[in-house]
Amino acid sequence: MLALGAVRAVRRLGKRVPQDMSIVGFDDSAIMTCTDPPLTTVRQPIEAMGQSVVDLLVQQMEGVGVPSEELFFEPELVVRGSTAPAPRT
């Protein structure tokens, strides 16, 4: 939602997205495909993250040792219409 506010602020300055400024959001949602322009965003693997948490919780409840190391999840860049290549100078 903050990225949508950034699009609005850029337009208030008389600039265009993505021609004058590219904007990228975070935490993709279905709404981002309906914006003007559709918002490029970083999508987190929510299902994989949730499944990992449930698995760890079940292991803990069963008395099985749970690993102490951090879990890392690969985000995905979803390119849509709010980004463009940098202009050549």
N, C-alpha and C. Protein backbone atom coordinates (compact mmCIF):
# COMPACT_ATOMS: atom_id res chain seq x y z
N MET A 1 0.82 -1.19 0.00
CA MET A 1 0.00 0.00 0.00
C MET A 1 0.87 1.26 0.00
N LEU A 2 2.04 1.19 0.64
CA LEU A 2 2.93 2.35 0.65
C LEU A 2 3.41 2.67 -0.76
N ALA A 3 3.66 1.66 -1.55
CA ALA A 3 4.11 1.89 -2.92
C ALA A 3 3.03 2.60 -3.74
N LEU A 4 1.78 2.30 -3.47
CA LEU A 4 0.69 2.99 -4.17
C LEU A 4 0.67 4.46 -3.77
N GLY A 5 0.98 4.75 -2.52
CA GLY A 5 1.11 6.13 -2.09
C GLY A 5 2.26 6.82 -2.80
N ALA A 6 3.33 6.09 -3.04
CA ALA A 6 4.47 6.65 -3.77
C ALA A 6 4.09 6.98 -5.21
N VAL A 7 3.30 6.13 -5.84
CA VAL A 7 2.82 6.41 -7.20
C VAL A 7 2.03 7.71 -7.19
N ARG A 8 1.16 7.84 -6.24
CA ARG A 8 0.33 9.06 -6.13
C ARG A 8 1.21 10.30 -5.93
N ALA A 9 2.22 10.20 -5.08
CA ALA A 9 3.11 11.33 -4.81
C ALA A 9 3.90 11.73 -6.06
N VAL A 10 4.37 10.73 -6.81
CA VAL A 10 5.09 11.01 -8.05
C VAL A 10 4.19 11.77 -9.02
N ARG A 11 2.96 11.34 -9.12
CA ARG A 11 2.02 12.01 -10.03
C ARG A 11 1.72 13.44 -9.58
N ARG A 12 1.63 13.66 -8.30
CA ARG A 12 1.41 15.02 -7.79
C ARG A 12 2.56 15.95 -8.17
N LEU A 13 3.73 15.39 -8.34
CA LEU A 13 4.89 16.18 -8.74
C LEU A 13 4.95 16.38 -10.26
N GLY A 14 3.93 15.88 -10.96
CA GLY A 14 3.89 16.02 -12.41
C GLY A 14 4.76 15.03 -13.15
N LYS A 15 5.17 13.99 -12.48
CA LYS A 15 6.02 12.95 -13.08
C LYS A 15 5.18 11.73 -13.42
N ARG A 16 5.78 10.83 -14.22
CA ARG A 16 5.06 9.63 -14.66
C ARG A 16 5.75 8.37 -14.16
N VAL A 17 4.94 7.37 -13.87
CA VAL A 17 5.43 6.05 -13.47
C VAL A 17 5.10 5.10 -14.62
N PRO A 18 6.05 4.42 -15.20
CA PRO A 18 7.45 4.27 -14.84
C PRO A 18 8.40 5.14 -15.66
N GLN A 19 7.90 5.98 -16.53
CA GLN A 19 8.78 6.73 -17.43
C GLN A 19 9.78 7.61 -16.68
N ASP A 20 9.33 8.28 -15.62
CA ASP A 20 10.22 9.17 -14.86
C ASP A 20 10.75 8.53 -13.59
N MET A 21 9.99 7.62 -13.02
CA MET A 21 10.41 6.97 -11.78
C MET A 21 9.79 5.58 -11.70
N SER A 22 10.62 4.60 -11.38
CA SER A 22 10.13 3.23 -11.16
C SER A 22 9.79 3.06 -9.69
N ILE A 23 8.75 2.28 -9.43
CA ILE A 23 8.33 2.02 -8.05
C ILE A 23 8.09 0.52 -7.89
N VAL A 24 8.63 -0.01 -6.78
CA VAL A 24 8.48 -1.43 -6.46
C VAL A 24 7.87 -1.56 -5.08
N GLY A 25 6.84 -2.39 -4.96
CA GLY A 25 6.22 -2.64 -3.68
C GLY A 25 6.74 -3.92 -3.06
N PHE A 26 6.19 -4.27 -1.90
CA PHE A 26 6.59 -5.47 -1.18
C PHE A 26 5.34 -6.15 -0.65
N ASP A 27 5.35 -7.46 -0.61
CA ASP A 27 4.19 -8.26 -0.17
C ASP A 27 3.08 -8.17 -1.20
N ASP A 28 3.28 -8.81 -2.30
CA ASP A 28 2.34 -8.82 -3.42
C ASP A 28 0.93 -9.19 -2.98
N SER A 29 -0.06 -8.58 -3.61
CA SER A 29 -1.45 -8.97 -3.41
C SER A 29 -2.17 -8.87 -4.74
N ALA A 30 -3.33 -9.47 -4.84
CA ALA A 30 -4.10 -9.46 -6.08
C ALA A 30 -4.47 -8.05 -6.51
N ILE A 31 -4.59 -7.15 -5.57
CA ILE A 31 -4.95 -5.76 -5.89
C ILE A 31 -3.89 -5.10 -6.77
N MET A 32 -2.64 -5.51 -6.64
CA MET A 32 -1.55 -4.85 -7.35
C MET A 32 -1.63 -5.02 -8.86
N THR A 33 -2.40 -5.99 -9.33
CA THR A 33 -2.59 -6.14 -10.78
C THR A 33 -3.67 -5.20 -11.30
N CYS A 34 -4.44 -4.61 -10.39
CA CYS A 34 -5.56 -3.74 -10.77
C CYS A 34 -5.22 -2.26 -10.66
N THR A 35 -4.00 -1.93 -10.29
CA THR A 35 -3.62 -0.53 -10.13
C THR A 35 -3.16 0.02 -11.47
N ASP A 36 -2.99 1.33 -11.53
CA ASP A 36 -2.54 1.97 -12.76
C ASP A 36 -1.28 2.77 -12.49
N PRO A 37 -0.14 2.29 -12.94
CA PRO A 37 0.12 1.03 -13.64
C PRO A 37 0.13 -0.14 -12.66
N PRO A 38 0.01 -1.36 -13.18
CA PRO A 38 0.13 -2.52 -12.30
C PRO A 38 1.48 -2.46 -11.57
N LEU A 39 1.49 -2.77 -10.30
CA LEU A 39 2.67 -2.55 -9.46
C LEU A 39 3.64 -3.72 -9.48
N THR A 40 4.89 -3.43 -9.82
CA THR A 40 5.97 -4.40 -9.66
C THR A 40 6.15 -4.60 -8.16
N THR A 41 6.36 -5.84 -7.74
CA THR A 41 6.42 -6.10 -6.30
C THR A 41 7.32 -7.29 -5.99
N VAL A 42 7.72 -7.37 -4.75
CA VAL A 42 8.47 -8.52 -4.25
C VAL A 42 7.47 -9.39 -3.50
N ARG A 43 7.37 -10.63 -3.93
CA ARG A 43 6.42 -11.57 -3.33
C ARG A 43 7.16 -12.52 -2.40
N GLN A 44 6.65 -12.66 -1.20
CA GLN A 44 7.22 -13.61 -0.25
C GLN A 44 6.51 -14.96 -0.42
N PRO A 45 7.22 -16.06 -0.20
CA PRO A 45 6.59 -17.39 -0.31
C PRO A 45 5.79 -17.71 0.96
N ILE A 46 4.65 -17.07 1.11
CA ILE A 46 3.85 -17.17 2.33
C ILE A 46 3.46 -18.60 2.67
N GLU A 47 3.05 -19.38 1.65
CA GLU A 47 2.64 -20.76 1.93
C GLU A 47 3.80 -21.58 2.48
N ALA A 48 4.98 -21.47 1.87
CA ALA A 48 6.14 -22.22 2.34
C ALA A 48 6.55 -21.77 3.75
N MET A 49 6.46 -20.48 4.00
CA MET A 49 6.80 -19.96 5.32
C MET A 49 5.82 -20.49 6.37
N GLY A 50 4.55 -20.45 6.06
CA GLY A 50 3.53 -20.95 6.99
C GLY A 50 3.67 -22.44 7.25
N GLN A 51 3.94 -23.21 6.18
CA GLN A 51 4.10 -24.65 6.34
C GLN A 51 5.30 -24.97 7.22
N SER A 52 6.38 -24.23 7.05
CA SER A 52 7.57 -24.45 7.87
C SER A 52 7.30 -24.17 9.34
N VAL A 53 6.55 -23.11 9.61
CA VAL A 53 6.22 -22.77 10.99
C VAL A 53 5.36 -23.87 11.61
N VAL A 54 4.38 -24.36 10.86
CA VAL A 54 3.52 -25.44 11.37
C VAL A 54 4.35 -26.69 11.63
N ASP A 55 5.24 -27.03 10.70
CA ASP A 55 6.08 -28.22 10.88
C ASP A 55 6.94 -28.10 12.14
N LEU A 56 7.54 -26.93 12.34
CA LEU A 56 8.37 -26.72 13.53
C LEU A 56 7.54 -26.80 14.81
N LEU A 57 6.36 -26.24 14.78
CA LEU A 57 5.48 -26.27 15.95
C LEU A 57 5.08 -27.70 16.28
N VAL A 58 4.72 -28.48 15.27
CA VAL A 58 4.34 -29.88 15.50
C VAL A 58 5.52 -30.66 16.07
N GLN A 59 6.71 -30.45 15.52
CA GLN A 59 7.90 -31.13 16.05
C GLN A 59 8.12 -30.78 17.52
N GLN A 60 7.96 -29.50 17.83
CA GLN A 60 8.15 -29.06 19.21
C GLN A 60 7.11 -29.68 20.13
N MET A 61 5.87 -29.74 19.67
CA MET A 61 4.80 -30.32 20.48
C MET A 61 5.02 -31.82 20.69
N GLU A 62 5.65 -32.49 19.72
CA GLU A 62 5.92 -33.92 19.83
C GLU A 62 7.20 -34.19 20.61
N GLY A 63 7.88 -33.13 21.06
CA GLY A 63 9.09 -33.30 21.85
C GLY A 63 10.33 -33.55 21.01
N VAL A 64 10.20 -33.41 19.71
CA VAL A 64 11.35 -33.58 18.83
C VAL A 64 12.14 -32.28 18.83
N GLY A 65 13.45 -32.38 18.88
CA GLY A 65 14.27 -31.17 18.85
C GLY A 65 14.08 -30.41 17.55
N VAL A 66 14.00 -29.13 17.67
CA VAL A 66 13.87 -28.30 16.47
C VAL A 66 15.19 -27.60 16.21
N PRO A 67 15.55 -27.43 14.95
CA PRO A 67 16.82 -26.78 14.63
C PRO A 67 16.84 -25.33 15.11
N SER A 68 18.01 -24.89 15.54
CA SER A 68 18.12 -23.52 16.04
C SER A 68 18.55 -22.54 14.96
N GLU A 69 18.94 -23.04 13.79
CA GLU A 69 19.36 -22.14 12.74
C GLU A 69 18.16 -21.44 12.08
N GLU A 70 18.45 -20.32 11.46
CA GLU A 70 17.40 -19.54 10.81
C GLU A 70 16.91 -20.25 9.55
N LEU A 71 15.67 -19.99 9.21
CA LEU A 71 15.12 -20.48 7.95
C LEU A 71 15.17 -19.33 6.95
N PHE A 72 15.56 -19.63 5.74
CA PHE A 72 15.62 -18.62 4.69
C PHE A 72 14.68 -19.00 3.56
N PHE A 73 13.97 -18.02 3.08
CA PHE A 73 13.02 -18.24 1.99
C PHE A 73 13.33 -17.27 0.86
N GLU A 74 13.28 -17.77 -0.35
CA GLU A 74 13.62 -16.99 -1.53
C GLU A 74 12.41 -16.16 -1.98
N PRO A 75 12.54 -14.84 -1.97
CA PRO A 75 11.44 -14.01 -2.48
C PRO A 75 11.43 -14.04 -4.01
N GLU A 76 10.36 -13.57 -4.58
CA GLU A 76 10.21 -13.55 -6.04
C GLU A 76 9.91 -12.12 -6.48
N LEU A 77 10.64 -11.63 -7.47
CA LEU A 77 10.35 -10.33 -8.04
C LEU A 77 9.30 -10.51 -9.12
N VAL A 78 8.15 -9.85 -8.95
CA VAL A 78 7.06 -9.92 -9.92
C VAL A 78 7.04 -8.60 -10.68
N VAL A 79 7.56 -8.63 -11.91
CA VAL A 79 7.70 -7.41 -12.70
C VAL A 79 6.39 -7.11 -13.41
N ARG A 80 5.91 -5.88 -13.16
CA ARG A 80 4.69 -5.41 -13.81
C ARG A 80 4.99 -4.03 -14.40
N GLY A 81 3.97 -3.22 -14.55
CA GLY A 81 4.12 -1.97 -15.28
C GLY A 81 4.69 -0.77 -14.55
N SER A 82 5.01 -0.89 -13.27
CA SER A 82 5.49 0.29 -12.53
C SER A 82 7.00 0.45 -12.54
N THR A 83 7.68 -0.39 -13.31
CA THR A 83 9.13 -0.28 -13.44
C THR A 83 9.54 -0.28 -14.90
N ALA A 84 10.65 0.39 -15.17
CA ALA A 84 11.19 0.46 -16.53
C ALA A 84 12.71 0.54 -16.43
N PRO A 85 13.41 0.21 -17.50
CA PRO A 85 14.86 0.36 -17.48
C PRO A 85 15.25 1.82 -17.23
N ALA A 86 16.40 2.01 -16.60
CA ALA A 86 16.90 3.37 -16.35
C ALA A 86 17.19 4.03 -17.70
N PRO A 87 16.92 5.32 -17.80
CA PRO A 87 17.21 6.02 -19.07
C PRO A 87 18.71 6.08 -19.31
N ARG A 88 19.07 6.02 -20.58
CA ARG A 88 20.49 6.12 -20.94
C ARG A 88 20.89 7.58 -20.93
N THR A 89 22.08 7.82 -20.41
CA THR A 89 22.56 9.21 -20.39
C THR A 89 23.75 9.39 -21.28
